[in-house]
Amino acid sequence: MQSLLRLCGLLLILLISACSTLPDYPPAPAGFYRVQPGDTLYRIALKHRQSVGNLVSWNQLKDPSSINAGQLLRVSPQQTASSPSQAKPSAKTVPSTPARPAVSAIALQWPATGQVIGKFNGSSNKGIDIAGKAGDPVRAAASGTVAYAGKGIRAYGNLLIIKHGNDYLTAYAHNQTLMVKEGQTVKAGQQIATLGRSGTTRDMLHFELRRQGKAIDPLSALPAQ
C-alpha cells in the first residue's frame, strides 16, 4: 500500500512539472531567430544589428508591432535563391478584445487635432482614426525612439512606430510625409509627420497603441477632447 501511494505521489509530481514547463521550441537555423515570450521586433533588430525595416521586408510582416512567441524570423540577408516561408506561430491567437490598461500606465498626448471618425474595436479596427486636412501636423503622443519609418505595409501607407520603454508602442499611419528616421529619439508633442491619405481614401491619421504587442484602446490613455 505504501509503495502504491509513493508511486502515485511521484506521478503527480511529474504531471505538475510537465505542466509548468515552458514550450520547448526547436532551434532556429542559421540566419533565423525564434521569437521568445516578451520579444519585440525592435529588440530583435537591435540584438542582430539590423533595422526594423529589414526584418519587416525579409519576413513579409503585415504588422511589425505584432509578433508571436515561437515565430521564426529571418535576421540576416538571404544568401540563396530559395526563401523559407515564414513559420506559423505555434501558439493560438485569442481573438478576444484585449483588456484596457489603467490610464496611469502610460499618459499620451493627442497626435493630431480632429474628430475621431473611427473607434477601437479590437478586431477590424485596432486603433482610432482621426480626421484632418492634408499637411496637418502629426505629433508624437509620448517621448520615445522611432522603431520603424517606412511604407512597407501597404494598408498603413507611410507608417511610423515609436517605442516607449519596454512595453509600449504607438503607431501613426497614412501619413503624407515622414519627418523622423528609425533610431531617432523624439519628445512628446514633437512633429513627426504630416497628415495624409497614403494607403487609404481620405485624409486622416490612423493611431494605434500596443502594450507588449497587443492592441489596446488609445482612448484609455488619451485625455478627453
Protein backbone atom coordinates (compact mmCIF):
# COMPACT_ATOMS: atom_id res chain seq x y z
CA MET A 1 0.00 0.00 0.00
CA GLN A 2 2.82 2.41 0.89
CA SER A 3 4.56 1.60 -2.40
CA LEU A 4 1.37 2.39 -4.31
CA LEU A 5 0.96 5.74 -2.53
CA ARG A 6 4.61 6.59 -3.20
CA LEU A 7 4.15 5.77 -6.90
CA CYS A 8 1.03 7.94 -7.11
CA GLY A 9 2.92 10.80 -5.49
CA LEU A 10 5.76 10.54 -7.99
CA LEU A 11 3.34 10.52 -10.90
CA LEU A 12 1.62 13.64 -9.53
CA ILE A 13 4.95 15.45 -9.25
CA LEU A 14 5.84 14.52 -12.82
CA LEU A 15 2.49 15.76 -14.11
CA ILE A 16 2.83 19.08 -12.28
CA SER A 17 6.38 19.63 -13.52
CA ALA A 18 5.35 18.78 -17.08
CA CYS A 19 2.51 21.30 -16.97
CA SER A 20 4.79 24.06 -15.69
CA THR A 21 7.49 23.54 -18.33
CA LEU A 22 7.77 26.35 -20.89
CA PRO A 23 7.28 25.45 -24.59
CA ASP A 24 10.42 23.84 -25.99
CA TYR A 25 10.81 25.43 -29.41
CA PRO A 26 13.13 23.78 -31.95
CA PRO A 27 16.42 25.64 -32.51
CA ALA A 28 16.43 28.26 -35.26
CA PRO A 29 18.55 27.56 -38.36
CA ALA A 30 21.46 29.83 -39.29
CA GLY A 31 20.29 33.32 -40.24
CA PHE A 32 17.00 32.97 -38.36
CA TYR A 33 15.75 33.75 -34.86
CA ARG A 34 12.99 32.05 -32.85
CA VAL A 35 10.78 34.67 -31.14
CA GLN A 36 10.71 34.28 -27.36
CA PRO A 37 7.93 35.40 -24.97
CA GLY A 38 8.22 39.16 -24.34
CA ASP A 39 10.24 39.88 -27.52
CA THR A 40 9.52 42.90 -29.71
CA LEU A 41 10.64 43.37 -33.31
CA TYR A 42 12.61 46.44 -32.25
CA ARG A 43 14.51 44.48 -29.59
CA ILE A 44 15.24 41.65 -32.05
CA ALA A 45 16.50 44.15 -34.63
CA LEU A 46 18.86 45.72 -32.09
CA LYS A 47 20.14 42.32 -30.95
CA HIS A 48 21.03 41.29 -34.50
CA ARG A 49 22.19 44.77 -35.63
CA GLN A 50 19.51 45.11 -38.27
CA SER A 51 16.85 47.73 -38.95
CA VAL A 52 13.20 47.03 -38.24
CA GLY A 53 12.55 47.80 -41.91
CA ASN A 54 14.85 44.96 -42.99
CA LEU A 55 13.10 42.46 -40.71
CA VAL A 56 9.69 43.57 -41.99
CA SER A 57 10.83 43.17 -45.62
CA TRP A 58 12.69 39.85 -45.20
CA ASN A 59 9.79 38.25 -43.31
CA GLN A 60 6.93 39.92 -45.21
CA LEU A 61 5.35 41.03 -41.94
CA LYS A 62 1.95 42.67 -42.24
CA ASP A 63 2.11 44.20 -38.77
CA PRO A 64 5.61 44.93 -37.37
CA SER A 65 4.22 45.64 -33.92
CA SER A 66 2.70 42.18 -33.53
CA ILE A 67 4.87 39.03 -33.42
CA ASN A 68 4.25 35.74 -31.64
CA ALA A 69 6.34 33.52 -29.40
CA GLY A 70 7.67 30.61 -31.43
CA GLN A 71 7.57 32.54 -34.71
CA LEU A 72 10.64 32.07 -36.95
CA LEU A 73 12.16 35.30 -38.29
CA ARG A 74 14.95 35.85 -40.79
CA VAL A 75 17.55 38.15 -39.19
CA SER A 76 20.26 38.18 -41.86
CA PRO A 77 20.15 38.77 -45.64
CA GLN A 78 19.09 35.87 -47.80
CA GLN A 79 22.11 34.08 -49.30
CA THR A 80 20.39 31.71 -51.72
CA ALA A 81 17.63 31.96 -54.29
CA SER A 82 15.23 29.94 -52.19
CA SER A 83 13.47 31.67 -49.32
CA PRO A 84 11.96 29.66 -46.46
CA SER A 85 8.37 30.61 -45.87
CA GLN A 86 7.52 32.43 -42.69
CA ALA A 87 6.77 29.95 -39.92
CA LYS A 88 3.31 29.96 -38.44
CA PRO A 89 3.12 30.88 -34.76
CA SER A 90 2.85 27.82 -32.57
CA ALA A 91 0.54 29.44 -30.06
CA LYS A 92 -3.11 30.04 -30.90
CA THR A 93 -4.15 33.69 -31.05
CA VAL A 94 -7.19 34.51 -28.93
CA PRO A 95 -9.43 36.95 -30.87
CA SER A 96 -10.92 38.47 -27.74
CA THR A 97 -10.64 42.21 -27.09
CA PRO A 98 -7.52 42.95 -25.02
CA ALA A 99 -8.14 44.35 -21.56
CA ARG A 100 -7.72 48.09 -21.15
CA PRO A 101 -4.75 49.24 -19.10
CA ALA A 102 -5.11 51.85 -16.40
CA VAL A 103 -4.86 55.39 -17.74
CA SER A 104 -1.87 55.96 -15.43
CA ALA A 105 0.07 53.12 -17.12
CA ILE A 106 1.04 55.49 -19.95
CA ALA A 107 -0.11 59.07 -20.47
CA LEU A 108 -0.47 60.13 -24.10
CA GLN A 109 -0.97 63.43 -25.88
CA TRP A 110 -3.27 63.68 -28.88
CA PRO A 111 -1.18 63.01 -32.00
CA ALA A 112 -3.45 65.10 -34.23
CA THR A 113 -6.22 67.66 -33.93
CA GLY A 114 -9.51 66.50 -35.36
CA GLN A 115 -12.67 64.49 -34.88
CA VAL A 116 -12.43 60.79 -34.07
CA ILE A 117 -14.17 59.13 -37.01
CA GLY A 118 -13.24 55.52 -36.26
CA LYS A 119 -13.08 53.88 -32.84
CA PHE A 120 -11.18 50.89 -31.49
CA ASN A 121 -12.98 47.54 -31.51
CA GLY A 122 -10.06 45.12 -31.15
CA SER A 123 -10.71 43.29 -34.43
CA SER A 124 -11.38 45.26 -37.62
CA ASN A 125 -10.01 48.47 -36.09
CA LYS A 126 -7.06 48.08 -33.74
CA GLY A 127 -6.76 51.82 -33.13
CA ILE A 128 -8.63 55.05 -33.74
CA ASP A 129 -8.99 57.20 -36.86
CA ILE A 130 -8.65 60.97 -36.56
CA ALA A 131 -9.93 63.20 -39.37
CA GLY A 132 -7.85 66.12 -40.61
CA LYS A 133 -6.53 68.03 -43.59
CA ALA A 134 -3.60 67.05 -45.76
CA GLY A 135 -0.43 68.56 -44.33
CA ASP A 136 -1.73 68.94 -40.77
CA PRO A 137 0.98 68.18 -38.18
CA VAL A 138 1.20 64.71 -36.68
CA ARG A 139 2.92 64.72 -33.29
CA ALA A 140 4.48 62.08 -31.05
CA ALA A 141 1.94 61.02 -28.43
CA ALA A 142 4.75 60.35 -25.93
CA SER A 143 8.53 60.51 -25.81
CA GLY A 144 10.38 57.52 -27.25
CA THR A 145 12.51 56.10 -30.04
CA VAL A 146 11.44 55.61 -33.66
CA ALA A 147 11.35 51.84 -34.19
CA TYR A 148 10.02 51.90 -37.77
CA ALA A 149 9.68 54.52 -40.51
CA GLY A 150 8.59 53.47 -43.97
CA LYS A 151 5.84 52.26 -46.28
CA GLY A 152 6.47 48.51 -46.30
CA ILE A 153 2.92 47.73 -45.17
CA ARG A 154 0.56 48.81 -47.95
CA ALA A 155 -2.59 49.08 -45.84
CA TYR A 156 -0.87 51.52 -43.45
CA GLY A 157 0.72 53.77 -46.08
CA ASN A 158 3.57 55.89 -44.73
CA LEU A 159 3.90 54.46 -41.23
CA LEU A 160 5.78 55.45 -38.09
CA ILE A 161 6.13 53.27 -35.00
CA ILE A 162 7.55 54.76 -31.81
CA LYS A 163 8.77 52.62 -28.91
CA HIS A 164 8.11 53.89 -25.37
CA GLY A 165 10.19 51.89 -22.89
CA ASN A 166 9.97 48.11 -22.93
CA ASP A 167 6.19 47.69 -23.01
CA TYR A 168 4.51 50.28 -25.22
CA LEU A 169 4.44 51.16 -28.92
CA THR A 170 2.44 53.81 -30.75
CA ALA A 171 1.77 53.65 -34.50
CA TYR A 172 0.92 56.53 -36.86
CA ALA A 173 -0.40 55.52 -40.30
CA HIS A 174 -1.47 57.10 -43.63
CA ASN A 175 0.98 60.00 -43.31
CA GLN A 176 1.73 62.30 -46.23
CA THR A 177 5.40 62.75 -45.29
CA LEU A 178 7.62 61.34 -42.55
CA MET A 179 9.87 63.76 -40.69
CA VAL A 180 11.88 61.37 -38.48
CA LYS A 181 14.04 58.28 -39.09
CA GLU A 182 14.48 54.89 -37.45
CA GLY A 183 16.55 55.08 -34.28
CA GLN A 184 15.82 58.77 -33.74
CA THR A 185 14.74 59.92 -30.28
CA VAL A 186 11.60 62.07 -30.19
CA LYS A 187 9.86 64.05 -27.48
CA ALA A 188 6.16 64.14 -26.65
CA GLY A 189 4.46 66.76 -28.82
CA GLN A 190 7.27 66.87 -31.40
CA GLN A 191 6.07 66.92 -35.00
CA ILE A 192 7.00 63.61 -36.63
CA ALA A 193 4.94 63.64 -39.84
CA THR A 194 2.28 65.41 -41.86
CA LEU A 195 -1.23 64.01 -42.10
CA GLY A 196 -2.30 62.46 -45.40
CA ARG A 197 -4.12 59.61 -47.10
CA SER A 198 -1.38 57.16 -48.11
CA GLY A 199 -2.84 53.66 -48.06
CA THR A 200 -6.42 54.91 -47.64
CA THR A 201 -9.08 57.01 -49.39
CA ARG A 202 -9.35 60.11 -47.20
CA ASP A 203 -7.09 62.40 -45.21
CA MET A 204 -6.79 61.02 -41.69
CA LEU A 205 -4.43 59.65 -39.08
CA HIS A 206 -4.81 56.03 -38.00
CA PHE A 207 -3.35 55.83 -34.49
CA GLU A 208 -2.64 52.65 -32.52
CA LEU A 209 -1.39 51.90 -29.01
CA ARG A 210 0.10 48.50 -28.19
CA ARG A 211 1.23 47.01 -24.91
CA GLN A 212 3.66 44.09 -25.27
CA GLY A 213 2.45 43.70 -28.85
CA LYS A 214 -1.27 43.62 -28.03
CA ALA A 215 -3.54 46.38 -29.34
CA ILE A 216 -5.38 48.39 -26.69
CA ASP A 217 -7.78 51.30 -26.99
CA PRO A 218 -5.80 54.56 -27.34
CA LEU A 219 -8.72 56.46 -25.81
CA SER A 220 -7.96 54.75 -22.49
CA ALA A 221 -4.65 56.65 -22.32
CA LEU A 222 -5.57 59.91 -24.09
CA PRO A 223 -7.05 62.94 -22.31
CA ALA A 224 -10.68 63.76 -23.01
CA GLN A 225 -11.14 66.03 -26.02
